Amino acid sequence: MAGPEMGTMTDDAPAQSREALAGGTWWIAPTPFAEDGSVDGDALEHAVRTAAGWGVDGVTVLGVMGEVT
């Protein structure tokens, strides 16, 4: 049997997790790329730390902004 789809919460998930995903301000992180086309991990870390400094409740990653692949 297949597991739950990515991004879904199961009934057995901790209540705190369900509540945390229910609201707040979530920042959609861009995916920074290096000159060679690889993901620029240092730039991504800097961006996420900057967003955390703004007080966001969560960060969404991995291409939800429509990067062409």
Protein backbone atom coordinates (compact mmCIF):
# COMPACT_ATOMS: atom_id res chain seq x y z
CA MET A 1 0.00 0.00 0.00
CA ALA A 2 1.36 3.42 -0.94
CA GLY A 3 1.97 6.05 1.72
CA PRO A 4 0.29 9.45 1.89
CA GLU A 5 0.93 11.92 -0.90
CA MET A 6 3.64 14.47 -0.39
CA GLY A 7 2.37 17.42 1.61
CA THR A 8 -0.60 15.65 3.20
CA MET A 9 -1.08 15.04 6.89
CA THR A 10 -2.23 11.68 8.19
CA ASP A 11 -4.66 11.17 11.06
CA ASP A 12 -1.83 9.81 13.20
CA ALA A 13 0.32 12.95 12.77
CA PRO A 14 0.99 14.77 16.04
CA ALA A 15 -1.61 17.45 16.77
CA GLN A 16 1.15 20.05 17.07
CA SER A 17 2.28 19.29 13.50
CA ARG A 18 -1.26 19.58 12.13
CA GLU A 19 -1.72 22.92 13.89
CA ALA A 20 1.65 24.27 12.74
CA LEU A 21 0.80 23.57 9.10
CA ALA A 22 -2.68 25.05 9.40
CA GLY A 23 -1.72 28.69 9.51
CA GLY A 24 0.85 31.36 9.89
CA THR A 25 3.03 33.05 7.34
CA TRP A 26 4.91 30.73 5.01
CA TRP A 27 7.64 32.03 2.73
CA ILE A 28 8.13 30.43 -0.69
CA ALA A 29 11.88 30.12 -1.16
CA PRO A 30 13.38 30.60 -4.60
CA THR A 31 15.92 28.01 -5.70
CA PRO A 32 19.23 29.82 -6.25
CA PHE A 33 21.49 28.29 -8.88
CA ALA A 34 25.26 28.53 -9.29
CA GLU A 35 26.92 29.34 -12.62
CA ASP A 36 27.26 25.61 -13.40
CA GLY A 37 23.52 25.00 -12.91
CA SER A 38 23.80 23.29 -9.54
CA VAL A 39 21.77 24.47 -6.54
CA ASP A 40 23.68 27.15 -4.64
CA GLY A 41 23.38 25.76 -1.11
CA ASP A 42 25.08 28.73 0.55
CA ALA A 43 22.72 31.20 -1.11
CA LEU A 44 19.71 29.05 -0.17
CA GLU A 45 20.84 28.86 3.44
CA HIS A 46 21.31 32.64 3.53
CA ALA A 47 17.83 33.20 2.06
CA VAL A 48 16.15 30.84 4.54
CA ARG A 49 17.99 32.37 7.50
CA THR A 50 16.94 35.82 6.29
CA ALA A 51 13.30 34.71 6.08
CA ALA A 52 13.53 33.20 9.57
CA GLY A 53 14.75 36.58 10.77
CA TRP A 54 11.55 38.10 9.38
CA GLY A 55 9.59 35.80 11.67
CA VAL A 56 8.00 33.49 9.10
CA ASP A 57 6.28 30.39 10.48
CA GLY A 58 7.54 28.08 7.75
CA VAL A 59 9.39 27.81 4.47
CA THR A 60 8.19 26.06 1.32
CA VAL A 61 10.93 24.78 -0.99
CA LEU A 62 11.59 22.65 -4.07
CA GLY A 63 10.24 24.40 -7.09
CA VAL A 64 6.75 25.56 -6.22
CA MET A 65 7.42 28.92 -7.90
CA GLY A 66 7.58 27.38 -11.38
CA GLU A 67 11.28 27.01 -12.07
CA VAL A 68 11.87 25.51 -15.47
CA THR A 69 13.64 22.15 -15.23
